[in-house]
Amino acid sequence: MSDHGDEKVPIVGPSTCVSYTQTDESSFVINDPGASSSGGRGRAGTGPYLTTVREDEELMEVSSEQFSASGVTGSRHQRAQSSVGSGLRPRTRTMSNRFMSSVHKIRSYTQQSIHEVPCEDRNNSAFAAGFNVTNLVQGIGIMGVPYAVSRGSWASIGVICLVAALCCYTGCLLVDCLYTGCPRTGRRVRYLKSYPDVGAMVWPRFGRRAVTIVSVVEMFGGMCLYIILLASTSSSLMKERVPSLNIYHWSCISTYATLPLTFITRMSFISWFSMLAVASLMSSIVSVLVFCFMHFDQLALTNMPGFDPTSFPVSFGIIVFSYCAHAVFPGIEECMRRPNSYPAMLTVSFGVAAIVKTIMGVMAVLIFGMATEQEFGRNLEVDADFSFISNSLIFVNVFFSMPLVIFVVIERFDATFLGAFHPTFHRNGSLHWLWILLTRSLIMTAGLFLSMLVPHFALLMGLVGSFTGTCLCFIFPAWFHLVLKRKQLNAFGVFVRVCIILFGALSGAVGMFFSALELKKKLIQ
């Protein structure tokens, strides 16, 4: 409840006739309509009976629901109401004493009123949570990293390591925003549930909507990239066996083959798919690295292109997108059996991702140079055996990674639109199955349409990453933590967060501009 202006806040029960108005930082005026109706002190009929009370400490505001939930019922309500007496003329000193006694009681109750968000699915170990994070930061993005290195030269290697460190740091900041300290017990309590909840705390009017839109755009863009990659690998695997089907046919087949996976709603169940996806991803990375080592004789430092300031921002956007998973970090942490191991899990996941992306990106570019494709699997077609193995593993990885990506999109979609429909479509309604079938099909069809309209894997990554990636990975977490935890930060902590915000804003704007220009050139061609 707001504490601005002269807003009146009830201090007793739902049936109370007493309220107070804050007049300055330490003064509160009791408003007793009952005293006014009976004449009260002063002139009868001129307004409520007023008594000003001084209090040195801050008075915590309590709603009538919180007051009742704290155990103040029945006789306590009656005693509180009798302290001012409807229709009586109590002494100012007596009323003040009783009121302040009530205030101290309220304070003791409200110190326990921070409600912890229930977490009903804390079944994941840190190992399983690490698979989820690794699947996101090592997923499809890694197939675009060689192209990013070919456009960013040696400077892109530094970007890979820098972005990994910053994303790991801001991932910890984001989850820290979900917690607060309980004033009475001193225990750390998780009082927020999701990324949009944090946005709503910082920007009450538009924060939830802003974070929701950006995270949905990011995950929806990721879903489109998954569809592009599924179509590409399916076409490569089956073009000799089914030559009559082109890449657009395979886009449709792959999209609707993954539709049943969108019906999964439990993160702990999705973790099993993520384990399979990560296993196939690691196998595909190993196959790519083996291919690079087998063609070691073709490695040449001269294949690494020179630095181009116009293509480097595109490289930056691709790399940022390959690390962007912040939208699901609150959900992953919520499902961890031991949440205190979250920072260590995140550090290991991002550290491994940075090492693998660096090795794979450098070796691929030193072999193929500027001929490196946007989706690196196409470069392996020079060797039929490696191409088949790698594309098969990539297909399995992408197919079983889809539930985790779609989970966020569907969760936000349901939270936004489901409440506007008839209760029979709600989660416990008899027609909820129809809602699931129609909305999931609609979302997948929209992703299919966009992926067919813009079939440029890495450039779409760069455009999406420059906008949503910089917002979700850098700007939002640093700003939210700066606002919510400002009293706990020293000057250096504030400086670090401000630098992250400026870095994200500047790099994102430049990356979007050059990615859009490059994408426009490709579409015209």
Foldseek 3Di string as FASTA:
>chain_A
DDLDDFDWADLAAPPDQWTWGDPDQFKIWIFHVLCLCLQEPDGHPPGGHIAIEGDPDGQDGDHNVLVVVLPCDDPNRVVLRPQCPRNDHDDNVSSRVSVVVSRVVVVVSCLPVQDFDDQPQQPDALVLLLLLLLLQLLAQLLLQLLVLCLQAFPVLLVLLVVLLVLLLVLLVLQLLLQWDARRPPRDIGRRDQFSLSLLCVVPVPCGSVVLLVLLLLLLLLVLLLLLLLQLVLVCLQCCVVCVVDHSLNSSVVLLVVLLVLQVDADPVVLSVLSVLLVVLSVVLLVLLVVVLVVVVVQFDPVLRDDGDVLRNLLSSLSSLSSNDDSRCSSVSLSRHNDSVCSSVSSSVSSVVSSVSSSSSNNSLSRRQRNNQASRNLVVVVVPVVSSNSNSVSSNSNSSSSVSVSSNSNVVSVCVVPVVVDDPLCDPPHVCVVVVSVVVSVVSSVVSSVVCVVQVRNSLSSQQSSLPSSLVSRFQSSLVSSCVSVVVVDDPVSNVVSVVSNVVSVVSSVSSNVSSVVVSVVVVVD
